[in-house]
């Protein structure tokens, strides 16, 4: 283990009782969401026989993130976190319950899908901010975020498989009904397993919409937080190109469904392995040191696609591309240090909304480019263009971090220090038992 690594690592995070409840709730709700996405997409196709509406149903899981994350971000700070999380889960349970009703029309199913997707960034942003209350804002928070991210990757892989099996044995509405139960269980775990804490901000009496948009302008207007947000978003925009085009590339190789499944799993497997190593084996200081080098080079494996590789080389390139996503472990720490406490909920909500939106945009642009160019050239081009953008962004982040102590993010109630000393990135923090 690297020198100065955090004592206990992931085990110390799991030792915190509240985090165990948050972790279990996250796993349940995520599995439910993945299963419901598959089941609802299948249900819409069965009812309409329209590939367009079926694809739109799946896309609606990402598009409303921008609306919910921008217009309702203020909820994350204005109200107590536990209340927000429980209400979000209950609202999603109601929406899913209405989807199960036989008389719900197609337009109603799509509208309910949008509501669930719009609630998601508020829930995620609130939970991310609440982790700083449960674990502190140091290394335990970073490892807690890492664990939630890892279970997201694993649950997606398992959820797609479970969803397919469920649809083989139960009707689509029956599979969706299971999601109703997972949301209720998640709400119960959060309600009875976490402490009630006061809201971070009162919103100064202003309207929720103005508060949310004002926070977004504030965070994006500050050079330091804008650069860190872009460092989360920009690599992800280009990294999704091979995932968006995995089916046509597999078809061009002439491989079967089993190989297609392997290609879809390669990036998550690489990400999970790398993040586990970075979280468990590297010290907080070492994680900070690798952020910029990995962010700058993480898309380079996609250049292998220029040679139109066979299955083996494509799998290796995708797995290495997944490894490149491990830079976010250190970036999480930089971001939480850069954002004032009273803005954390809104900042985390904006981060989540932007990430999902820009990945959806990246998929759409990759698909559009593949209408005019061969798939392997599009993926390789994403690697080249993405690397160039990341190099520019890394240079910007390096510059703003050198002057971190001089800047400030101004909140609605006054000025709050945005910067922390470079040395704090390697400091150990005690796990808050809550």
Protein backbone atom coordinates (compact mmCIF):
# COMPACT_ATOMS: atom_id res chain seq x y z
CA UNK A 1 0.00 0.00 0.00
CA UNK A 2 1.19 3.50 -0.76
CA UNK A 3 2.76 5.49 1.99
CA UNK A 4 0.28 7.66 3.92
CA UNK A 5 -2.69 5.63 2.70
CA UNK A 6 -5.79 6.10 4.78
CA UNK A 7 -6.11 3.66 7.69
CA UNK A 8 -8.97 1.23 7.09
CA UNK A 9 -9.77 2.47 3.58
CA UNK A 10 -13.15 1.22 2.36
CA UNK A 11 -13.62 -0.81 5.58
CA UNK A 12 -13.54 2.39 7.65
CA UNK A 13 -16.28 3.88 5.48
CA UNK A 14 -18.48 0.81 5.90
CA UNK A 15 -17.94 1.04 9.66
CA UNK A 16 -20.12 4.17 9.66
CA UNK A 17 -23.67 3.03 10.39
CA UNK A 18 -25.41 5.81 8.44
CA UNK A 19 -23.34 5.12 5.36
CA UNK A 20 -24.35 1.47 5.37
CA UNK A 21 -28.00 2.53 5.19
CA UNK A 22 -27.24 5.01 2.40
CA UNK A 23 -25.31 2.33 0.52
CA UNK A 24 -28.14 -0.21 0.82
CA UNK A 25 -30.73 2.35 -0.27
CA UNK A 26 -28.57 3.30 -3.26
CA UNK A 27 -28.22 -0.32 -4.33
CA UNK A 28 -31.94 -1.01 -4.08
CA UNK A 29 -33.10 2.11 -5.90
CA UNK A 30 -30.46 1.74 -8.62
CA UNK A 31 -31.36 -1.87 -9.36
CA UNK A 32 -34.99 -0.81 -9.51
CA UNK A 33 -34.26 2.03 -11.92
CA UNK A 34 -32.27 -0.19 -14.28
CA UNK A 35 -34.91 -2.92 -14.30
CA UNK A 36 -37.71 -0.39 -14.82
CA UNK A 37 -35.84 1.22 -17.74
CA UNK A 38 -35.62 -2.11 -19.53
CA UNK A 39 -39.16 -3.14 -18.68
CA UNK A 40 -40.70 0.22 -19.61
CA UNK A 41 -38.80 0.39 -22.90
CA UNK A 42 -40.00 -3.13 -23.71
CA UNK A 43 -43.58 -2.31 -22.64
CA UNK A 44 -43.74 0.77 -24.87
CA UNK A 45 -42.44 -1.26 -27.82
CA UNK A 46 -45.00 -4.04 -27.21
CA UNK A 47 -47.84 -1.51 -27.04
CA UNK A 48 -46.79 0.58 -30.05
CA UNK A 49 -44.43 -1.58 -32.14
CA UNK A 50 -42.55 1.69 -32.69
CA UNK A 51 -38.73 1.55 -32.48
CA UNK A 52 -38.69 5.35 -32.25
CA UNK A 53 -40.96 5.50 -29.18
CA UNK A 54 -39.06 2.63 -27.60
CA UNK A 55 -35.75 4.44 -28.07
CA UNK A 56 -37.32 7.70 -26.87
CA UNK A 57 -38.42 5.97 -23.67
CA UNK A 58 -34.82 5.03 -22.94
CA UNK A 59 -33.51 8.48 -23.89
CA UNK A 60 -36.00 10.15 -21.54
CA UNK A 61 -33.97 8.65 -18.71
CA UNK A 62 -31.21 11.17 -19.44
CA UNK A 63 -32.68 14.25 -21.11
CA UNK A 64 -34.74 15.61 -18.14
CA UNK A 65 -31.62 15.60 -15.94
CA UNK A 66 -30.78 19.06 -17.26
CA UNK A 67 -34.21 20.41 -16.35
CA UNK A 68 -34.35 18.88 -12.90
CA UNK A 69 -30.73 19.63 -12.08
CA UNK A 70 -30.92 23.26 -13.20
CA UNK A 71 -34.39 24.37 -12.12
CA UNK A 72 -34.74 22.44 -8.86
CA UNK A 73 -31.16 22.31 -7.57
CA UNK A 74 -32.05 24.71 -4.77
CA UNK A 75 -34.12 21.95 -3.10
CA UNK A 76 -30.88 20.17 -2.14
CA UNK A 77 -29.76 23.01 0.17
CA UNK A 78 -33.05 24.67 1.09
CA UNK A 79 -34.61 21.66 2.83
CA UNK A 80 -33.20 19.03 5.24
CA UNK A 81 -31.37 16.35 3.29
CA UNK A 82 -33.18 13.36 4.79
CA UNK A 83 -36.57 14.87 3.99
CA UNK A 84 -35.54 15.59 0.39
CA UNK A 85 -34.19 12.07 -0.14
CA UNK A 86 -37.27 10.36 1.30
CA UNK A 87 -39.71 12.58 -0.62
CA UNK A 88 -37.80 11.96 -3.88
CA UNK A 89 -37.99 8.19 -3.35
CA UNK A 90 -41.71 8.36 -2.53
CA UNK A 91 -42.42 10.55 -5.56
CA UNK A 92 -40.61 8.06 -7.79
CA UNK A 93 -42.57 5.21 -6.19
CA UNK A 94 -45.86 6.99 -6.99
CA UNK A 95 -44.78 7.53 -10.61
CA UNK A 96 -43.79 3.89 -11.00
CA UNK A 97 -47.05 2.79 -9.36
CA UNK A 98 -49.00 4.78 -11.95
CA UNK A 99 -46.96 3.17 -14.74
CA UNK A 100 -48.12 -0.25 -13.55
CA UNK A 101 -51.81 0.62 -13.94
CA UNK A 102 -53.16 -1.08 -17.12
CA UNK A 103 -55.07 2.03 -18.21
CA UNK A 104 -52.08 4.38 -18.27
CA UNK A 105 -51.67 5.62 -21.89
CA UNK A 106 -48.36 5.78 -23.74
CA UNK A 107 -48.14 9.55 -23.33
CA UNK A 108 -48.69 9.06 -19.60
CA UNK A 109 -45.91 6.46 -19.39
CA UNK A 110 -43.48 8.81 -21.12
CA UNK A 111 -44.50 11.75 -18.91
CA UNK A 112 -44.03 9.69 -15.76
CA UNK A 113 -40.63 8.59 -17.06
CA UNK A 114 -39.68 12.25 -17.42
CA UNK A 115 -40.75 13.02 -13.85
CA UNK A 116 -38.61 10.20 -12.44
CA UNK A 117 -35.64 11.37 -14.51
CA UNK A 118 -36.12 15.01 -13.43
CA UNK A 119 -36.17 13.98 -9.76
CA UNK A 120 -32.99 11.90 -10.11
CA UNK A 121 -30.40 14.73 -10.15
CA UNK A 122 -31.99 16.39 -7.11
CA UNK A 123 -31.87 13.08 -5.23
CA UNK A 124 -28.30 12.33 -6.29
CA UNK A 125 -27.01 15.82 -5.59
CA UNK A 126 -28.64 15.88 -2.15
CA UNK A 127 -27.17 12.49 -1.29
CA UNK A 128 -23.70 13.51 -2.45
CA UNK A 129 -23.84 16.61 -0.27
CA UNK A 130 -25.25 14.62 2.66
CA UNK A 131 -22.23 12.31 2.51
CA UNK A 132 -20.08 15.20 3.72
CA UNK A 133 -22.27 15.33 6.84
CA UNK A 134 -22.08 11.58 7.36
CA UNK A 135 -18.42 10.97 6.48
CA UNK A 136 -16.82 14.41 6.70
CA UNK A 137 -15.42 16.27 3.71
CA UNK A 138 -12.03 14.54 3.62
CA UNK A 139 -10.82 11.15 2.42
CA UNK A 140 -13.75 9.15 3.88
CA UNK A 141 -16.10 11.20 1.70
CA UNK A 142 -13.97 10.42 -1.36
CA UNK A 143 -14.06 6.69 -0.61
CA UNK A 144 -17.79 6.80 0.12
CA UNK A 145 -18.42 8.47 -3.25
CA UNK A 146 -16.18 5.88 -4.85
CA UNK A 147 -18.18 3.03 -3.35
CA UNK A 148 -21.47 4.47 -4.59
CA UNK A 149 -19.96 4.93 -8.04
CA UNK A 150 -18.66 1.34 -8.03
CA UNK A 151 -22.02 -0.09 -7.04
CA UNK A 152 -23.60 2.00 -9.81
CA UNK A 153 -21.35 0.35 -12.39
CA UNK A 154 -21.90 -3.12 -10.94
CA UNK A 155 -25.64 -2.68 -10.51
CA UNK A 156 -25.99 -1.57 -14.13
CA UNK A 157 -24.27 -4.74 -15.31
CA UNK A 158 -26.36 -6.92 -12.98
CA UNK A 159 -29.55 -4.93 -13.57
CA UNK A 160 -29.51 -5.39 -17.33
CA UNK A 161 -29.10 -9.14 -16.83
CA UNK A 162 -31.77 -9.32 -14.12
CA UNK A 163 -34.13 -7.22 -16.21
CA UNK A 164 -33.78 -9.54 -19.17
CA UNK A 165 -34.46 -12.61 -17.01
CA UNK A 166 -37.47 -10.96 -15.35
CA UNK A 167 -39.04 -10.10 -18.68
CA UNK A 168 -38.72 -13.75 -19.67
CA UNK A 169 -40.82 -14.90 -16.70
CA UNK A 170 -43.10 -11.98 -15.73
CA UNK A 171 -45.03 -9.35 -17.72
CA UNK A 172 -43.39 -5.97 -18.26
CA UNK A 173 -45.77 -4.26 -15.82
CA UNK A 174 -44.90 -6.90 -13.22
CA UNK A 175 -41.20 -6.10 -13.59
CA UNK A 176 -41.98 -2.39 -13.20
CA UNK A 177 -43.98 -3.17 -10.05
CA UNK A 178 -40.81 -4.54 -8.47
CA UNK A 179 -39.30 -1.08 -8.86
CA UNK A 180 -42.19 0.33 -6.82
CA UNK A 181 -41.04 -1.86 -3.94
CA UNK A 182 -37.37 -0.92 -4.27
CA UNK A 183 -38.18 2.81 -4.08
CA UNK A 184 -40.29 2.27 -0.95
CA UNK A 185 -37.52 0.21 0.67
CA UNK A 186 -34.97 2.89 -0.19
CA UNK A 187 -37.19 5.57 1.38
CA UNK A 188 -37.58 3.49 4.55
CA UNK A 189 -33.83 2.88 4.84
CA UNK A 190 -33.07 6.59 4.47
CA UNK A 191 -35.84 7.67 6.84
CA UNK A 192 -34.96 5.31 9.70
CA UNK A 193 -31.25 4.80 9.06
CA UNK A 194 -30.00 8.39 8.76
CA UNK A 195 -30.08 11.35 11.13
CA UNK A 196 -32.24 14.41 10.70
CA UNK A 197 -30.03 17.43 9.99
CA UNK A 198 -30.99 21.04 9.32
CA UNK A 199 -30.98 22.55 5.83
CA UNK A 200 -27.74 24.13 4.65
CA UNK A 201 -29.38 27.28 3.37
CA UNK A 202 -32.70 29.06 3.73
CA UNK A 203 -32.58 30.45 0.19
CA UNK A 204 -32.81 33.96 1.69
CA UNK A 205 -36.54 33.90 1.11
CA UNK A 206 -36.16 33.93 -2.66
CA UNK A 207 -38.01 31.78 -5.16
CA UNK A 208 -36.73 28.24 -5.65
CA UNK A 209 -36.23 28.71 -9.39
CA UNK A 210 -34.22 31.89 -8.93
CA UNK A 211 -32.19 30.28 -6.17
CA UNK A 212 -31.38 27.28 -8.36
CA UNK A 213 -30.46 29.30 -11.45
CA UNK A 214 -28.50 31.79 -9.35
CA UNK A 215 -26.39 29.00 -7.87
CA UNK A 216 -25.72 27.59 -11.34
CA UNK A 217 -24.59 31.01 -12.58
CA UNK A 218 -22.43 31.43 -9.50
CA UNK A 219 -20.71 28.05 -9.83
CA UNK A 220 -20.20 28.30 -13.58
CA UNK A 221 -19.10 31.92 -13.28
CA UNK A 222 -16.31 31.10 -10.86
CA UNK A 223 -13.17 30.09 -12.74
CA UNK A 224 -12.12 27.37 -10.31
CA UNK A 225 -15.43 25.54 -9.90
CA UNK A 226 -16.15 25.89 -13.64
CA UNK A 227 -12.83 24.25 -14.51
CA UNK A 228 -13.44 21.37 -12.09
CA UNK A 229 -16.97 20.81 -13.39
CA UNK A 230 -15.67 20.70 -16.95
CA UNK A 231 -13.02 18.20 -15.89
CA UNK A 232 -15.84 15.89 -14.79
CA UNK A 233 -17.92 16.52 -17.90
CA UNK A 234 -15.65 16.83 -20.93
CA UNK A 235 -13.83 13.45 -20.78
CA UNK A 236 -17.18 11.71 -20.17
CA UNK A 237 -18.66 13.31 -23.29
CA UNK A 238 -16.08 11.65 -25.54
CA UNK A 239 -15.73 8.42 -23.55
CA UNK A 240 -19.31 7.36 -24.34
CA UNK A 241 -18.69 7.22 -28.12
CA UNK A 242 -17.69 3.52 -28.21
CA UNK A 243 -20.63 2.61 -25.94
CA UNK A 244 -23.08 4.48 -28.16
CA UNK A 245 -21.75 2.70 -31.25
CA UNK A 246 -21.04 -0.73 -29.78
CA UNK A 247 -23.90 -2.46 -31.66
CA UNK A 248 -22.93 -1.24 -35.15
CA UNK A 249 -19.25 -1.93 -34.46
CA UNK A 250 -20.03 -5.48 -33.35
CA UNK A 251 -22.08 -5.88 -36.51
CA UNK A 252 -19.16 -4.66 -38.63
CA UNK A 253 -16.96 -7.30 -36.99
CA UNK A 254 -19.54 -9.99 -37.68
CA UNK A 255 -19.63 -11.15 -34.05
CA UNK A 256 -22.65 -12.50 -32.21
CA UNK A 257 -24.68 -11.34 -29.20
CA UNK A 258 -22.19 -12.82 -26.70
CA UNK A 259 -19.37 -10.68 -28.11
CA UNK A 260 -21.68 -7.67 -28.09
CA UNK A 261 -22.26 -8.25 -24.38
CA UNK A 262 -18.50 -8.40 -23.77
CA UNK A 263 -17.98 -5.11 -25.57
CA UNK A 264 -20.70 -3.46 -23.48
CA UNK A 265 -19.13 -4.73 -20.25
CA UNK A 266 -15.50 -3.84 -21.05
CA UNK A 267 -15.58 -0.16 -19.98
CA UNK A 268 -17.45 -0.77 -16.68
CA UNK A 269 -15.11 -3.65 -15.81
CA UNK A 270 -12.04 -1.50 -16.45
CA UNK A 271 -13.54 1.34 -14.42
CA UNK A 272 -14.46 -0.87 -11.46
CA UNK A 273 -11.02 -2.50 -11.31
CA UNK A 274 -9.13 0.78 -11.55
CA UNK A 275 -11.28 2.64 -9.04
CA UNK A 276 -11.01 -0.19 -6.52
CA UNK A 277 -7.23 -0.06 -6.82
CA UNK A 278 -7.03 3.72 -6.59
CA UNK A 279 -9.39 3.85 -3.61
CA UNK A 280 -7.86 0.95 -1.69
CA UNK A 281 -4.16 1.18 -2.52
CA UNK A 282 -3.32 4.84 -3.08
CA UNK A 283 -3.03 7.53 -0.45
CA UNK A 284 -5.14 10.69 -0.70
CA UNK A 285 -2.08 12.64 -1.86
CA UNK A 286 -1.31 10.06 -4.55
CA UNK A 287 -4.89 10.18 -5.80
CA UNK A 288 -4.56 13.92 -6.20
CA UNK A 289 -1.30 13.56 -8.13
CA UNK A 290 -2.79 11.23 -10.75
CA UNK A 291 -5.90 13.31 -11.53
CA UNK A 292 -4.46 15.55 -14.24
CA UNK A 293 -2.16 12.98 -15.96
CA UNK A 294 -4.95 10.41 -16.25
CA UNK A 295 -7.53 12.99 -17.30
CA UNK A 296 -5.16 14.12 -20.07
CA UNK A 297 -4.44 10.62 -21.40
CA UNK A 298 -7.50 8.56 -20.49
CA UNK A 299 -9.02 8.72 -23.99
CA UNK A 300 -5.87 7.68 -25.84
CA UNK A 301 -6.80 3.95 -25.87
CA UNK A 302 -9.65 4.84 -28.24
CA UNK A 303 -7.07 5.62 -30.93
CA UNK A 304 -6.72 1.85 -31.39
CA UNK A 305 -10.02 2.02 -33.27
CA UNK A 306 -8.26 3.84 -36.12
CA UNK A 307 -6.89 0.44 -37.17
CA UNK A 308 -10.39 -1.13 -37.05
CA UNK A 309 -9.32 -3.66 -34.40
CA UNK A 310 -10.73 -7.12 -33.93
CA UNK A 311 -12.66 -8.20 -30.87
CA UNK A 312 -9.64 -8.81 -28.64
CA UNK A 313 -7.95 -5.46 -29.26
CA UNK A 314 -11.26 -3.61 -29.04
CA UNK A 315 -11.98 -5.17 -25.65
CA UNK A 316 -8.53 -4.17 -24.41
CA UNK A 317 -8.95 -0.61 -25.66
CA UNK A 318 -12.36 -0.26 -24.03
CA UNK A 319 -11.15 -1.70 -20.72
CA UNK A 320 -8.21 0.74 -20.69
CA UNK A 321 -10.61 3.55 -21.48
CA UNK A 322 -12.61 2.51 -18.43
CA UNK A 323 -9.43 2.58 -16.34
CA UNK A 324 -9.01 6.22 -17.33
CA UNK A 325 -12.21 7.14 -15.47
CA UNK A 326 -10.48 6.49 -12.13
CA UNK A 327 -9.17 10.07 -12.08
CA UNK A 328 -12.52 11.18 -10.64
CA UNK A 329 -11.63 9.64 -7.24
CA UNK A 330 -9.12 12.43 -6.63
CA UNK A 331 -11.24 15.01 -8.45
CA UNK A 332 -14.11 14.41 -6.00
CA UNK A 333 -11.91 15.70 -3.21
CA UNK A 334 -10.87 18.80 -5.14
CA UNK A 335 -14.48 19.64 -5.93
CA UNK A 336 -15.88 19.28 -2.42
CA UNK A 337 -13.01 21.43 -1.12
CA UNK A 338 -13.72 24.12 -3.71
CA UNK A 339 -17.43 24.53 -3.00
CA UNK A 340 -18.70 26.38 0.10
CA UNK A 341 -20.80 24.23 2.42
CA UNK A 342 -23.99 26.24 1.88
CA UNK A 343 -23.74 25.59 -1.89
CA UNK A 344 -22.81 21.91 -1.80
CA UNK A 345 -26.23 20.47 -2.49
CA UNK A 346 -26.79 22.72 -5.49
CA UNK A 347 -23.23 22.14 -6.71
CA UNK A 348 -23.57 18.35 -6.55
CA UNK A 349 -26.96 18.51 -8.28
CA UNK A 350 -25.51 20.64 -11.07
CA UNK A 351 -22.57 18.26 -11.39
CA UNK A 352 -24.89 15.25 -11.75
CA UNK A 353 -27.25 16.96 -14.18
CA UNK A 354 -24.41 18.21 -16.35
CA UNK A 355 -22.71 14.83 -16.41
CA UNK A 356 -25.79 12.94 -17.54
CA UNK A 357 -26.74 15.61 -20.07
CA UNK A 358 -23.33 15.82 -21.65
CA UNK A 359 -23.10 12.03 -21.91
CA UNK A 360 -26.43 12.00 -23.70
CA UNK A 361 -25.16 14.73 -26.01
CA UNK A 362 -21.97 12.75 -26.65
CA UNK A 363 -23.96 9.66 -27.58
CA UNK A 364 -26.17 11.65 -29.92
CA UNK A 365 -23.20 13.32 -31.64
CA UNK A 366 -21.42 9.98 -32.01
CA UNK A 367 -24.51 8.47 -33.61
CA UNK A 368 -24.85 11.46 -35.94
CA UNK A 369 -21.19 11.24 -36.99
CA UNK A 370 -21.60 7.51 -37.67
CA UNK A 371 -24.23 8.37 -40.29
CA UNK A 372 -21.44 9.91 -42.41
CA UNK A 373 -18.25 8.10 -41.36
CA UNK A 374 -17.32 4.50 -40.50
CA UNK A 375 -17.87 3.63 -36.86
CA UNK A 376 -14.21 2.88 -36.13
CA UNK A 377 -13.21 6.29 -37.47
CA UNK A 378 -15.82 8.03 -35.31
CA UNK A 379 -14.55 6.32 -32.15
CA UNK A 380 -10.92 7.08 -33.00
CA UNK A 381 -11.89 10.67 -33.81
CA UNK A 382 -13.56 10.96 -30.41
CA UNK A 383 -10.29 9.82 -28.86
CA UNK A 384 -8.27 12.44 -30.75
CA UNK A 385 -10.66 15.36 -30.28
CA UNK A 386 -11.36 14.40 -26.68
CA UNK A 387 -7.66 14.22 -25.82
CA UNK A 388 -7.03 17.66 -27.31
CA UNK A 389 -9.91 19.14 -25.31
CA UNK A 390 -8.71 17.41 -22.15
CA UNK A 391 -5.17 18.76 -22.58
CA UNK A 392 -6.53 22.31 -22.78
CA UNK A 393 -8.74 21.71 -19.77
CA UNK A 394 -5.97 20.13 -17.71
CA UNK A 395 -3.83 23.19 -18.35
CA UNK A 396 -6.65 25.42 -17.11
CA UNK A 397 -7.21 23.34 -13.96
CA UNK A 398 -3.50 23.36 -13.19
CA UNK A 399 -3.43 27.13 -13.44
CA UNK A 400 -6.47 27.72 -11.23
CA UNK A 401 -5.21 25.29 -8.60
CA UNK A 402 -1.96 27.20 -8.37
CA UNK A 403 -3.95 30.25 -7.31
CA UNK A 404 -6.60 28.34 -5.33
CA UNK A 405 -6.09 30.28 -2.15
CA UNK A 406 -6.63 33.63 -3.85
CA UNK A 407 -10.11 33.08 -5.28
CA UNK A 408 -13.52 33.03 -3.66
CA UNK A 409 -16.95 31.77 -4.55
CA UNK A 410 -19.53 34.36 -3.56
CA UNK A 411 -22.75 32.89 -2.22
CA UNK A 412 -26.05 34.64 -1.84
CA UNK A 413 -25.23 35.47 1.78
CA UNK A 414 -21.73 36.78 1.27
CA UNK A 415 -18.23 35.61 0.38
CA UNK A 416 -16.99 32.11 1.16
CA UNK A 417 -13.47 30.92 0.64
CA UNK A 418 -13.32 28.66 -2.39
CA UNK A 419 -9.71 27.69 -2.20
CA UNK A 420 -7.79 25.44 0.13
CA UNK A 421 -4.07 24.90 0.33
CA UNK A 422 -2.61 22.34 -2.04
CA UNK A 423 -1.26 20.36 0.89
CA UNK A 424 -4.73 19.69 2.25
CA UNK A 425 -5.42 17.28 -0.61
CA UNK A 426 -3.19 14.76 1.08
CA UNK A 427 -4.44 15.33 4.61
CA UNK A 428 -6.26 12.59 6.47
CA UNK A 429 -9.62 13.32 8.07
CA UNK A 430 -11.42 11.34 10.73
CA UNK A 431 -14.53 9.46 9.74
CA UNK A 432 -17.55 11.13 11.26
CA UNK A 433 -19.59 8.47 12.96
CA UNK A 434 -22.65 10.69 12.94
